[in-house]
Amino acid sequence: MSKKKVSKKWRILSPDGFTIEFGVPHYSSSEKMRESFEKWKERYRQQGYYSSTEYGRISLDELENYCFVSCLDN
């Protein structure tokens, strides 16, 4: 009997609870999720902060701490 391989999906939501990449609800690896997060964060570099409805201005150095990360089993 062979074991079924469980693939995991990773999800990251902004501090306001939205996916960080339009049309991409999850990622196939934590590495791909990390790459997407870094690209998303760069969009706010010129502004210098991420503006959140709930938390106000979040410095880019702290942004990761305000995002919601989850691992979903397939």
N, C-alpha and C. Protein backbone atom coordinates (compact mmCIF):
# COMPACT_ATOMS: atom_id res chain seq x y z
N MET A 1 0.84 -1.16 0.00
CA MET A 1 0.00 0.00 0.00
C MET A 1 0.90 1.24 0.00
N SER A 2 0.67 2.15 -0.92
CA SER A 2 1.48 3.37 -0.96
C SER A 2 0.80 4.49 -0.19
N LYS A 3 1.63 5.31 0.37
CA LYS A 3 1.10 6.45 1.12
C LYS A 3 0.80 7.59 0.16
N LYS A 4 -0.28 8.24 0.42
CA LYS A 4 -0.63 9.39 -0.39
C LYS A 4 0.19 10.58 0.07
N LYS A 5 0.86 11.22 -0.87
CA LYS A 5 1.67 12.38 -0.54
C LYS A 5 0.74 13.57 -0.30
N VAL A 6 0.91 14.19 0.83
CA VAL A 6 0.09 15.35 1.17
C VAL A 6 0.84 16.59 0.72
N SER A 7 0.24 17.32 -0.20
CA SER A 7 0.87 18.56 -0.62
C SER A 7 0.26 19.71 0.18
N LYS A 8 1.10 20.64 0.49
CA LYS A 8 0.65 21.76 1.29
C LYS A 8 0.55 23.00 0.42
N LYS A 9 -0.37 23.83 0.76
CA LYS A 9 -0.53 25.11 0.10
C LYS A 9 -0.32 26.19 1.15
N TRP A 10 0.36 27.23 0.75
CA TRP A 10 0.65 28.32 1.65
C TRP A 10 -0.17 29.54 1.26
N ARG A 11 -0.65 30.25 2.27
CA ARG A 11 -1.43 31.45 2.01
C ARG A 11 -0.90 32.58 2.89
N ILE A 12 -0.83 33.76 2.32
CA ILE A 12 -0.45 34.94 3.08
C ILE A 12 -1.46 36.04 2.77
N LEU A 13 -1.94 36.65 3.83
CA LEU A 13 -2.90 37.74 3.70
C LEU A 13 -2.29 39.01 4.25
N SER A 14 -2.66 40.12 3.66
CA SER A 14 -2.20 41.42 4.11
C SER A 14 -2.74 41.70 5.51
N PRO A 15 -2.24 42.74 6.17
CA PRO A 15 -2.79 43.09 7.48
C PRO A 15 -4.29 43.38 7.45
N ASP A 16 -4.80 43.73 6.29
CA ASP A 16 -6.23 43.99 6.15
C ASP A 16 -7.03 42.77 5.71
N GLY A 17 -6.36 41.62 5.59
CA GLY A 17 -7.05 40.37 5.29
C GLY A 17 -7.25 40.04 3.82
N PHE A 18 -6.50 40.71 2.93
CA PHE A 18 -6.62 40.45 1.50
C PHE A 18 -5.42 39.66 1.01
N THR A 19 -5.60 38.87 -0.05
CA THR A 19 -4.45 38.19 -0.64
C THR A 19 -3.50 39.25 -1.19
N ILE A 20 -2.22 38.96 -1.19
CA ILE A 20 -1.24 39.97 -1.60
C ILE A 20 -1.03 40.01 -3.11
N GLU A 21 -1.56 39.02 -3.82
CA GLU A 21 -1.40 38.95 -5.27
C GLU A 21 -2.74 38.63 -5.89
N PHE A 22 -3.26 39.52 -6.71
CA PHE A 22 -4.57 39.34 -7.31
C PHE A 22 -4.66 38.03 -8.09
N GLY A 23 -5.67 37.24 -7.81
CA GLY A 23 -5.88 35.99 -8.52
C GLY A 23 -5.04 34.82 -8.04
N VAL A 24 -4.26 35.01 -6.98
CA VAL A 24 -3.43 33.93 -6.45
C VAL A 24 -3.80 33.73 -4.98
N PRO A 25 -4.71 32.79 -4.72
CA PRO A 25 -5.17 32.60 -3.34
C PRO A 25 -4.18 31.85 -2.45
N HIS A 26 -3.25 31.10 -3.06
CA HIS A 26 -2.27 30.34 -2.28
C HIS A 26 -1.06 30.01 -3.14
N TYR A 27 0.00 29.52 -2.49
CA TYR A 27 1.27 29.20 -3.15
C TYR A 27 1.63 27.74 -2.89
N SER A 28 2.37 27.15 -3.80
CA SER A 28 2.71 25.74 -3.68
C SER A 28 3.88 25.48 -2.73
N SER A 29 4.59 26.53 -2.33
CA SER A 29 5.69 26.35 -1.39
C SER A 29 5.87 27.62 -0.57
N SER A 30 6.51 27.47 0.57
CA SER A 30 6.77 28.64 1.40
C SER A 30 7.77 29.58 0.71
N GLU A 31 8.65 29.03 -0.12
CA GLU A 31 9.60 29.85 -0.85
C GLU A 31 8.90 30.75 -1.85
N LYS A 32 7.94 30.20 -2.58
CA LYS A 32 7.18 31.01 -3.56
C LYS A 32 6.36 32.07 -2.84
N MET A 33 5.83 31.72 -1.69
CA MET A 33 5.07 32.68 -0.90
C MET A 33 5.99 33.82 -0.47
N ARG A 34 7.18 33.48 0.00
CA ARG A 34 8.16 34.48 0.46
C ARG A 34 8.54 35.42 -0.69
N GLU A 35 8.81 34.86 -1.87
CA GLU A 35 9.16 35.67 -3.04
C GLU A 35 8.04 36.64 -3.38
N SER A 36 6.82 36.18 -3.36
CA SER A 36 5.68 37.04 -3.66
C SER A 36 5.51 38.13 -2.61
N PHE A 37 5.74 37.78 -1.36
CA PHE A 37 5.65 38.77 -0.30
C PHE A 37 6.67 39.88 -0.51
N GLU A 38 7.91 39.52 -0.83
CA GLU A 38 8.95 40.51 -1.04
C GLU A 38 8.62 41.43 -2.21
N LYS A 39 8.10 40.87 -3.30
CA LYS A 39 7.69 41.68 -4.45
C LYS A 39 6.54 42.61 -4.07
N TRP A 40 5.58 42.12 -3.34
CA TRP A 40 4.44 42.91 -2.90
C TRP A 40 4.90 44.05 -1.99
N LYS A 41 5.79 43.76 -1.07
CA LYS A 41 6.30 44.76 -0.14
C LYS A 41 7.02 45.89 -0.88
N GLU A 42 7.72 45.55 -1.96
CA GLU A 42 8.45 46.55 -2.74
C GLU A 42 7.52 47.61 -3.34
N ARG A 43 6.27 47.27 -3.55
CA ARG A 43 5.32 48.24 -4.09
C ARG A 43 5.14 49.43 -3.16
N TYR A 44 5.47 49.26 -1.90
CA TYR A 44 5.29 50.32 -0.91
C TYR A 44 6.61 51.02 -0.55
N ARG A 45 7.70 50.63 -1.19
CA ARG A 45 9.03 51.16 -0.86
C ARG A 45 9.07 52.68 -1.00
N GLN A 46 8.59 53.23 -2.10
CA GLN A 46 8.65 54.68 -2.32
C GLN A 46 7.84 55.43 -1.25
N GLN A 47 6.71 54.88 -0.89
CA GLN A 47 5.85 55.48 0.14
C GLN A 47 6.50 55.36 1.52
N GLY A 48 7.22 54.24 1.74
CA GLY A 48 7.93 54.05 3.00
C GLY A 48 7.16 53.30 4.06
N TYR A 49 5.93 52.95 3.80
CA TYR A 49 5.11 52.23 4.77
C TYR A 49 3.91 51.60 4.08
N TYR A 50 3.28 50.69 4.77
CA TYR A 50 2.02 50.10 4.32
C TYR A 50 0.93 50.73 5.17
N SER A 51 -0.12 51.20 4.54
CA SER A 51 -1.22 51.84 5.27
C SER A 51 -2.35 50.84 5.46
N SER A 52 -2.65 50.54 6.70
CA SER A 52 -3.67 49.55 7.05
C SER A 52 -4.88 50.25 7.67
N THR A 53 -6.05 49.78 7.34
CA THR A 53 -7.27 50.32 7.93
C THR A 53 -7.27 50.13 9.44
N GLU A 54 -6.87 48.95 9.89
CA GLU A 54 -6.92 48.63 11.32
C GLU A 54 -5.70 49.10 12.10
N TYR A 55 -4.51 49.00 11.49
CA TYR A 55 -3.27 49.25 12.23
C TYR A 55 -2.61 50.59 11.90
N GLY A 56 -3.11 51.32 10.94
CA GLY A 56 -2.49 52.59 10.55
C GLY A 56 -1.24 52.34 9.71
N ARG A 57 -0.28 53.23 9.83
CA ARG A 57 0.96 53.10 9.07
C ARG A 57 1.86 52.03 9.69
N ILE A 58 2.26 51.08 8.85
CA ILE A 58 3.15 49.99 9.30
C ILE A 58 4.46 50.14 8.54
N SER A 59 5.57 50.23 9.27
CA SER A 59 6.87 50.33 8.59
C SER A 59 7.12 49.03 7.83
N LEU A 60 7.85 49.15 6.74
CA LEU A 60 8.11 47.97 5.92
C LEU A 60 8.95 46.93 6.66
N ASP A 61 9.75 47.39 7.61
CA ASP A 61 10.54 46.44 8.41
C ASP A 61 9.65 45.59 9.31
N GLU A 62 8.48 46.09 9.65
CA GLU A 62 7.55 45.38 10.53
C GLU A 62 6.39 44.71 9.79
N LEU A 63 6.27 44.96 8.50
CA LEU A 63 5.10 44.52 7.73
C LEU A 63 4.84 43.02 7.84
N GLU A 64 5.88 42.23 7.77
CA GLU A 64 5.73 40.77 7.83
C GLU A 64 5.04 40.33 9.13
N ASN A 65 5.30 41.04 10.20
CA ASN A 65 4.71 40.70 11.49
C ASN A 65 3.20 40.94 11.55
N TYR A 66 2.68 41.72 10.63
CA TYR A 66 1.26 42.04 10.61
C TYR A 66 0.47 41.20 9.59
N CYS A 67 1.18 40.45 8.75
CA CYS A 67 0.52 39.60 7.76
C CYS A 67 0.09 38.28 8.39
N PHE A 68 -0.89 37.64 7.78
CA PHE A 68 -1.41 36.38 8.28
C PHE A 68 -0.95 35.25 7.35
N VAL A 69 -0.18 34.32 7.88
CA VAL A 69 0.36 33.21 7.11
C VAL A 69 -0.28 31.92 7.59
N SER A 70 -0.70 31.08 6.65
CA SER A 70 -1.25 29.79 7.02
C SER A 70 -0.82 28.72 6.03
N CYS A 71 -0.74 27.51 6.53
CA CYS A 71 -0.39 26.35 5.71
C CYS A 71 -1.63 25.48 5.63
N LEU A 72 -2.05 25.19 4.41
CA LEU A 72 -3.27 24.41 4.20
C LEU A 72 -2.91 23.04 3.62
N ASP A 73 -3.41 21.99 4.22
CA ASP A 73 -3.21 20.66 3.65
C ASP A 73 -4.17 20.47 2.49
N ASN A 74 -3.69 19.80 1.47
CA ASN A 74 -4.52 19.54 0.30
C ASN A 74 -5.50 18.42 0.55
